[in-house]
C-alpha cells in the first residue's frame, strides 16, 4: 500500500460541478454589479458637468474652486522649497475641471475692465 500525499492528489484540487456553478454565478453577479455601478458613476459624472449645472451650483462651485486655487497658490508661494517654476502655477490653474472656472473669472474681469474703460 503506497501512501500518496494528500496535497498531490488530483481529487483535492478539483471543484465539484456545484462549486463551479456557484463560483460562476458569483462572478456573473459581481460583473453585473460592476457594470451597473460603472454606468451609475458615468451618469453622475455627466450630470456634474458644467453645462448641466444650475446657476446656483455653478456659483457655489466657482467660489469653492477659487478658494482652493488661492489656498494652493499661497501654499506654493510660502513654501520653502526651491522648486518653484511656472509649471507648478499652471498645474494649479488647470487641475481637474478648474480651467472652466478660471475662464469664467477671465470673462468677469474682462467685463469689469470693459465697463471701467467705457465710463471714462
N, C-alpha and C. Protein backbone atom coordinates (compact mmCIF):
# COMPACT_ATOMS: atom_id res chain seq x y z
N UNK A 1 0.84 -1.16 0.00
CA UNK A 1 0.00 0.00 0.00
C UNK A 1 0.90 1.24 0.00
N UNK A 2 0.81 1.97 -1.06
CA UNK A 2 1.61 3.19 -1.15
C UNK A 2 0.77 4.36 -0.66
N UNK A 3 1.39 5.14 0.11
CA UNK A 3 0.67 6.31 0.63
C UNK A 3 1.05 7.51 -0.25
N UNK A 4 0.07 8.13 -0.83
CA UNK A 4 0.32 9.34 -1.61
C UNK A 4 0.02 10.55 -0.74
N UNK A 5 0.70 11.59 -1.02
CA UNK A 5 0.49 12.82 -0.29
C UNK A 5 -0.89 13.37 -0.65
N UNK A 6 -1.61 13.82 0.36
CA UNK A 6 -2.97 14.32 0.12
C UNK A 6 -2.94 15.55 -0.76
N UNK A 7 -1.94 16.40 -0.59
CA UNK A 7 -1.87 17.61 -1.39
C UNK A 7 -1.56 17.32 -2.86
N UNK A 8 -0.96 16.19 -3.14
CA UNK A 8 -0.65 15.83 -4.52
C UNK A 8 -1.80 15.11 -5.19
N UNK A 9 -2.80 14.78 -4.45
CA UNK A 9 -3.92 14.06 -5.03
C UNK A 9 -4.72 14.99 -5.93
N UNK A 10 -5.10 14.49 -7.07
CA UNK A 10 -5.85 15.31 -8.04
C UNK A 10 -7.26 15.58 -7.57
N UNK A 11 -7.80 14.72 -6.75
CA UNK A 11 -9.18 14.88 -6.30
C UNK A 11 -9.34 16.04 -5.33
N UNK A 12 -8.31 16.40 -4.62
CA UNK A 12 -8.44 17.51 -3.68
C UNK A 12 -8.41 18.86 -4.38
N UNK A 13 -7.83 18.95 -5.56
CA UNK A 13 -7.75 20.22 -6.28
C UNK A 13 -8.98 20.53 -7.12
N UNK A 14 -9.69 19.56 -7.53
CA UNK A 14 -10.81 19.80 -8.44
C UNK A 14 -12.02 20.25 -7.67
N UNK A 15 -12.79 21.08 -8.31
CA UNK A 15 -14.04 21.55 -7.74
C UNK A 15 -15.18 20.70 -8.27
N UNK A 16 -16.16 20.52 -7.46
CA UNK A 16 -17.32 19.79 -7.94
C UNK A 16 -18.10 20.68 -8.90
N UNK A 17 -18.99 20.07 -9.62
CA UNK A 17 -19.79 20.84 -10.57
C UNK A 17 -20.63 21.90 -9.86
N UNK A 18 -21.13 21.58 -8.70
CA UNK A 18 -21.92 22.54 -7.93
C UNK A 18 -21.06 23.73 -7.52
N UNK A 19 -19.83 23.48 -7.07
CA UNK A 19 -18.95 24.57 -6.68
C UNK A 19 -18.58 25.43 -7.88
N UNK A 20 -18.37 24.79 -9.03
CA UNK A 20 -18.08 25.56 -10.25
C UNK A 20 -19.27 26.43 -10.62
N UNK A 21 -20.47 25.87 -10.50
CA UNK A 21 -21.68 26.61 -10.82
C UNK A 21 -21.83 27.80 -9.88
N UNK A 22 -21.62 27.59 -8.57
CA UNK A 22 -21.73 28.66 -7.60
C UNK A 22 -20.68 29.75 -7.85
N UNK A 23 -19.47 29.34 -8.18
CA UNK A 23 -18.41 30.29 -8.47
C UNK A 23 -18.73 31.11 -9.72
N UNK A 24 -19.22 30.46 -10.76
CA UNK A 24 -19.61 31.17 -11.97
C UNK A 24 -20.75 32.13 -11.70
N UNK A 25 -21.67 31.72 -10.87
CA UNK A 25 -22.80 32.57 -10.51
C UNK A 25 -22.32 33.81 -9.74
N UNK A 26 -21.37 33.63 -8.83
CA UNK A 26 -20.82 34.76 -8.09
C UNK A 26 -20.08 35.72 -9.01
N UNK A 27 -19.29 35.18 -9.94
CA UNK A 27 -18.57 36.02 -10.88
C UNK A 27 -19.52 36.82 -11.77
N UNK A 28 -20.59 36.17 -12.20
CA UNK A 28 -21.57 36.85 -13.04
C UNK A 28 -22.25 37.97 -12.26
N UNK A 29 -22.60 37.71 -11.01
CA UNK A 29 -23.24 38.72 -10.18
C UNK A 29 -22.28 39.88 -9.93
N UNK A 30 -21.02 39.57 -9.66
CA UNK A 30 -20.01 40.60 -9.43
C UNK A 30 -19.81 41.44 -10.68
N UNK A 31 -19.74 40.79 -11.85
CA UNK A 31 -19.58 41.52 -13.10
C UNK A 31 -20.78 42.42 -13.37
N UNK A 32 -21.97 41.91 -13.13
CA UNK A 32 -23.19 42.69 -13.37
C UNK A 32 -23.21 43.90 -12.45
N UNK A 33 -22.87 43.71 -11.19
CA UNK A 33 -22.85 44.83 -10.25
C UNK A 33 -21.80 45.86 -10.64
N UNK A 34 -20.67 45.39 -11.14
CA UNK A 34 -19.62 46.31 -11.57
C UNK A 34 -20.09 47.13 -12.77
N UNK A 35 -20.71 46.49 -13.72
CA UNK A 35 -21.20 47.21 -14.91
C UNK A 35 -22.26 48.22 -14.51
N UNK A 36 -23.18 47.83 -13.63
CA UNK A 36 -24.23 48.76 -13.20
C UNK A 36 -23.63 49.94 -12.42
N UNK A 37 -22.67 49.67 -11.57
CA UNK A 37 -22.04 50.73 -10.80
C UNK A 37 -21.26 51.68 -11.71
N UNK A 38 -20.60 51.15 -12.72
CA UNK A 38 -19.87 52.00 -13.67
C UNK A 38 -20.82 52.88 -14.45
N UNK A 39 -21.96 52.33 -14.86
CA UNK A 39 -22.94 53.15 -15.59
C UNK A 39 -23.50 54.23 -14.70
N UNK A 40 -23.74 53.89 -13.42
CA UNK A 40 -24.26 54.88 -12.48
C UNK A 40 -23.26 56.01 -12.26
N UNK A 41 -21.99 55.66 -12.11
CA UNK A 41 -20.95 56.68 -11.94
C UNK A 41 -20.79 57.54 -13.18
N UNK A 42 -20.88 56.91 -14.33
CA UNK A 42 -20.77 57.66 -15.59
C UNK A 42 -21.90 58.66 -15.71
N UNK A 43 -23.11 58.26 -15.32
CA UNK A 43 -24.26 59.16 -15.37
C UNK A 43 -24.09 60.31 -14.37
N UNK A 44 -23.56 60.01 -13.17
CA UNK A 44 -23.32 61.06 -12.19
C UNK A 44 -22.28 62.06 -12.68
N UNK A 45 -21.22 61.56 -13.31
CA UNK A 45 -20.19 62.45 -13.86
C UNK A 45 -20.75 63.33 -14.96
N UNK A 46 -21.61 62.75 -15.79
CA UNK A 46 -22.22 63.52 -16.88
C UNK A 46 -23.10 64.63 -16.30
N UNK A 47 -23.83 64.32 -15.24
CA UNK A 47 -24.71 65.33 -14.64
C UNK A 47 -23.94 66.41 -13.90
N UNK A 48 -22.70 66.14 -13.52
CA UNK A 48 -21.89 67.12 -12.82
C UNK A 48 -21.16 68.07 -13.76
N UNK A 49 -21.27 67.85 -15.04
CA UNK A 49 -20.57 68.72 -15.99
C UNK A 49 -21.12 70.13 -15.91
N UNK A 50 -20.33 71.06 -16.34
CA UNK A 50 -20.66 72.48 -16.18
C UNK A 50 -21.94 72.86 -16.91
N UNK A 51 -22.12 72.34 -18.10
CA UNK A 51 -23.30 72.76 -18.86
C UNK A 51 -24.58 72.10 -18.34
N UNK A 52 -24.48 71.17 -17.41
CA UNK A 52 -25.67 70.58 -16.79
C UNK A 52 -25.96 71.14 -15.41
N UNK A 53 -25.12 72.05 -14.93
CA UNK A 53 -25.30 72.60 -13.59
C UNK A 53 -26.27 73.77 -13.61
N UNK A 54 -26.96 73.94 -12.50
CA UNK A 54 -27.81 75.12 -12.35
C UNK A 54 -26.91 76.32 -12.05
N UNK A 55 -27.48 77.50 -12.12
CA UNK A 55 -26.70 78.72 -11.87
C UNK A 55 -26.22 78.73 -10.43
N UNK A 56 -27.07 78.27 -9.51
CA UNK A 56 -26.69 78.23 -8.10
C UNK A 56 -25.49 77.30 -7.90
N UNK A 57 -25.54 76.10 -8.45
CA UNK A 57 -24.42 75.17 -8.32
C UNK A 57 -23.17 75.70 -9.01
N UNK A 58 -23.36 76.38 -10.12
CA UNK A 58 -22.22 76.95 -10.84
C UNK A 58 -21.49 77.98 -9.97
N UNK A 59 -22.25 78.87 -9.32
CA UNK A 59 -21.62 79.87 -8.46
C UNK A 59 -21.01 79.25 -7.22
N UNK A 60 -21.67 78.24 -6.65
CA UNK A 60 -21.09 77.55 -5.49
C UNK A 60 -19.77 76.89 -5.86
N UNK A 61 -19.76 76.21 -7.00
CA UNK A 61 -18.52 75.56 -7.46
C UNK A 61 -17.46 76.60 -7.80
N UNK A 62 -17.90 77.72 -8.38
CA UNK A 62 -16.96 78.79 -8.74
C UNK A 62 -16.20 79.29 -7.52
N UNK A 63 -16.94 79.60 -6.46
CA UNK A 63 -16.28 80.12 -5.27
C UNK A 63 -15.47 79.04 -4.56
N UNK A 64 -15.94 77.82 -4.58
CA UNK A 64 -15.18 76.72 -3.97
C UNK A 64 -13.87 76.49 -4.71
N UNK A 65 -13.94 76.47 -6.03
CA UNK A 65 -12.74 76.25 -6.83
C UNK A 65 -11.74 77.38 -6.63
N UNK A 66 -12.21 78.62 -6.61
CA UNK A 66 -11.29 79.73 -6.43
C UNK A 66 -10.70 79.77 -5.02
N UNK A 67 -11.44 79.28 -4.04
CA UNK A 67 -10.87 79.16 -2.69
C UNK A 67 -9.74 78.15 -2.69
N UNK A 68 -9.95 77.02 -3.36
CA UNK A 68 -8.90 76.01 -3.46
C UNK A 68 -7.69 76.54 -4.23
N UNK A 69 -7.94 77.26 -5.30
CA UNK A 69 -6.83 77.81 -6.09
C UNK A 69 -6.00 78.78 -5.25
N UNK A 70 -6.67 79.68 -4.52
CA UNK A 70 -5.95 80.65 -3.70
C UNK A 70 -5.18 79.95 -2.59
N UNK A 71 -5.77 78.93 -1.97
CA UNK A 71 -5.06 78.18 -0.93
C UNK A 71 -3.82 77.50 -1.47
N UNK A 72 -3.93 76.89 -2.64
CA UNK A 72 -2.77 76.22 -3.23
C UNK A 72 -1.70 77.21 -3.68
N UNK A 73 -2.14 78.36 -4.19
CA UNK A 73 -1.17 79.38 -4.60
C UNK A 73 -0.40 79.93 -3.39
N UNK A 74 -1.10 80.19 -2.30
CA UNK A 74 -0.40 80.68 -1.11
C UNK A 74 0.53 79.61 -0.53
N UNK A 75 0.10 78.36 -0.58
CA UNK A 75 0.97 77.29 -0.10
C UNK A 75 2.22 77.18 -0.98
N UNK A 76 2.06 77.37 -2.28
CA UNK A 76 3.20 77.30 -3.18
C UNK A 76 4.13 78.51 -3.00
N UNK A 77 3.55 79.68 -2.80
CA UNK A 77 4.37 80.89 -2.65
C UNK A 77 5.17 80.86 -1.34
N UNK A 78 4.52 80.46 -0.26
CA UNK A 78 5.18 80.48 1.04
C UNK A 78 5.91 79.19 1.37
N UNK A 79 5.96 78.27 0.43
CA UNK A 79 6.69 77.03 0.62
C UNK A 79 8.18 77.33 0.53
N UNK A 80 8.96 76.75 1.41
CA UNK A 80 10.42 77.00 1.41
C UNK A 80 11.14 76.18 0.36
N UNK A 81 10.42 75.39 -0.37
CA UNK A 81 11.03 74.56 -1.40
C UNK A 81 11.48 75.44 -2.57
N UNK A 82 12.64 75.15 -3.11
CA UNK A 82 13.16 75.94 -4.23
C UNK A 82 12.65 75.46 -5.58
N UNK A 83 11.69 74.57 -5.59
CA UNK A 83 11.17 74.00 -6.84
C UNK A 83 9.96 74.81 -7.31
N UNK A 84 10.11 76.12 -7.38
CA UNK A 84 9.02 76.98 -7.85
C UNK A 84 9.29 77.36 -9.30
N UNK A 85 8.46 76.87 -10.18
CA UNK A 85 8.56 77.26 -11.58
C UNK A 85 7.16 77.49 -12.13
N UNK A 86 7.09 77.99 -13.33
CA UNK A 86 5.80 78.34 -13.93
C UNK A 86 4.92 77.13 -14.10
N UNK A 87 5.52 75.97 -14.29
CA UNK A 87 4.74 74.76 -14.49
C UNK A 87 3.86 74.46 -13.27
N UNK A 88 4.37 74.69 -12.07
CA UNK A 88 3.58 74.46 -10.85
C UNK A 88 2.37 75.39 -10.79
N UNK A 89 2.55 76.63 -11.20
CA UNK A 89 1.43 77.58 -11.22
C UNK A 89 0.39 77.18 -12.25
N UNK A 90 0.83 76.74 -13.40
CA UNK A 90 -0.10 76.33 -14.45
C UNK A 90 -0.87 75.09 -14.03
N UNK A 91 -0.20 74.18 -13.35
CA UNK A 91 -0.87 72.96 -12.87
C UNK A 91 -1.98 73.32 -11.89
N UNK A 92 -1.72 74.30 -11.03
CA UNK A 92 -2.75 74.70 -10.06
C UNK A 92 -3.99 75.23 -10.77
N UNK A 93 -3.81 76.01 -11.82
CA UNK A 93 -4.95 76.59 -12.53
C UNK A 93 -5.67 75.59 -13.44
N UNK A 94 -5.01 74.53 -13.85
CA UNK A 94 -5.63 73.61 -14.82
C UNK A 94 -5.98 72.25 -14.23
N UNK A 95 -5.87 72.11 -12.93
CA UNK A 95 -6.17 70.83 -12.28
C UNK A 95 -7.66 70.52 -12.37
N UNK A 96 -7.99 69.25 -12.66
CA UNK A 96 -9.37 68.76 -12.75
C UNK A 96 -10.19 69.61 -13.71
N UNK A 97 -11.30 70.15 -13.25
CA UNK A 97 -12.14 70.98 -14.12
C UNK A 97 -12.02 72.46 -13.75
N UNK A 98 -10.91 72.84 -13.15
CA UNK A 98 -10.71 74.22 -12.73
C UNK A 98 -10.59 75.18 -13.89
N UNK A 99 -10.15 74.70 -15.02
CA UNK A 99 -9.89 75.60 -16.14
C UNK A 99 -11.17 76.30 -16.60
N UNK A 100 -12.29 75.64 -16.43
CA UNK A 100 -13.57 76.25 -16.81
C UNK A 100 -13.86 77.44 -15.90
N UNK A 101 -13.63 77.27 -14.62
CA UNK A 101 -13.89 78.36 -13.68
C UNK A 101 -12.85 79.47 -13.81
N UNK A 102 -11.64 79.15 -14.20
CA UNK A 102 -10.64 80.18 -14.49
C UNK A 102 -11.09 80.98 -15.71
N UNK A 103 -11.64 80.32 -16.70
CA UNK A 103 -12.16 81.02 -17.87
C UNK A 103 -13.32 81.93 -17.52
N UNK A 104 -14.19 81.48 -16.63
CA UNK A 104 -15.31 82.32 -16.18
C UNK A 104 -14.76 83.56 -15.48
N UNK A 105 -13.72 83.39 -14.68
CA UNK A 105 -13.12 84.53 -13.98
C UNK A 105 -12.52 85.52 -14.98
N UNK A 106 -11.86 85.02 -16.01
CA UNK A 106 -11.30 85.91 -17.03
C UNK A 106 -12.40 86.70 -17.73
N UNK A 107 -13.51 86.07 -18.02
CA UNK A 107 -14.63 86.77 -18.65
C UNK A 107 -15.17 87.85 -17.73
N UNK A 108 -15.31 87.54 -16.44
CA UNK A 108 -15.81 88.54 -15.49
C UNK A 108 -14.85 89.72 -15.36
N UNK A 109 -13.57 89.44 -15.30
CA UNK A 109 -12.57 90.51 -15.21
C UNK A 109 -12.59 91.35 -16.49
N UNK A 110 -12.73 90.71 -17.64
CA UNK A 110 -12.79 91.46 -18.90
C UNK A 110 -14.02 92.36 -18.95
N UNK A 111 -15.16 91.87 -18.46
CA UNK A 111 -16.36 92.71 -18.41
C UNK A 111 -16.17 93.89 -17.48
N UNK A 112 -15.54 93.67 -16.34
CA UNK A 112 -15.29 94.77 -15.41
C UNK A 112 -14.39 95.83 -16.05
N UNK A 113 -13.31 95.40 -16.70
CA UNK A 113 -12.44 96.37 -17.38
C UNK A 113 -13.17 97.08 -18.52
N UNK A 114 -14.01 96.36 -19.21
CA UNK A 114 -14.78 96.97 -20.32
C UNK A 114 -15.65 98.11 -19.77
N UNK A 115 -16.36 97.84 -18.68
CA UNK A 115 -17.22 98.87 -18.11
C UNK A 115 -16.42 100.02 -17.50
N UNK A 116 -15.26 99.75 -16.97
CA UNK A 116 -14.41 100.82 -16.42
C UNK A 116 -13.93 101.73 -17.55
N UNK A 117 -13.45 101.14 -18.64
CA UNK A 117 -12.98 101.96 -19.76
C UNK A 117 -14.13 102.60 -20.52
N UNK A 118 -15.30 102.03 -20.46
CA UNK A 118 -16.46 102.60 -21.12
C UNK A 118 -16.92 103.87 -20.41
N UNK A 119 -16.77 103.94 -19.12
CA UNK A 119 -17.25 105.11 -18.37
C UNK A 119 -16.24 106.25 -18.33
N UNK A 120 -15.08 106.10 -18.88
CA UNK A 120 -14.10 107.18 -18.89
C UNK A 120 -14.49 108.29 -19.80
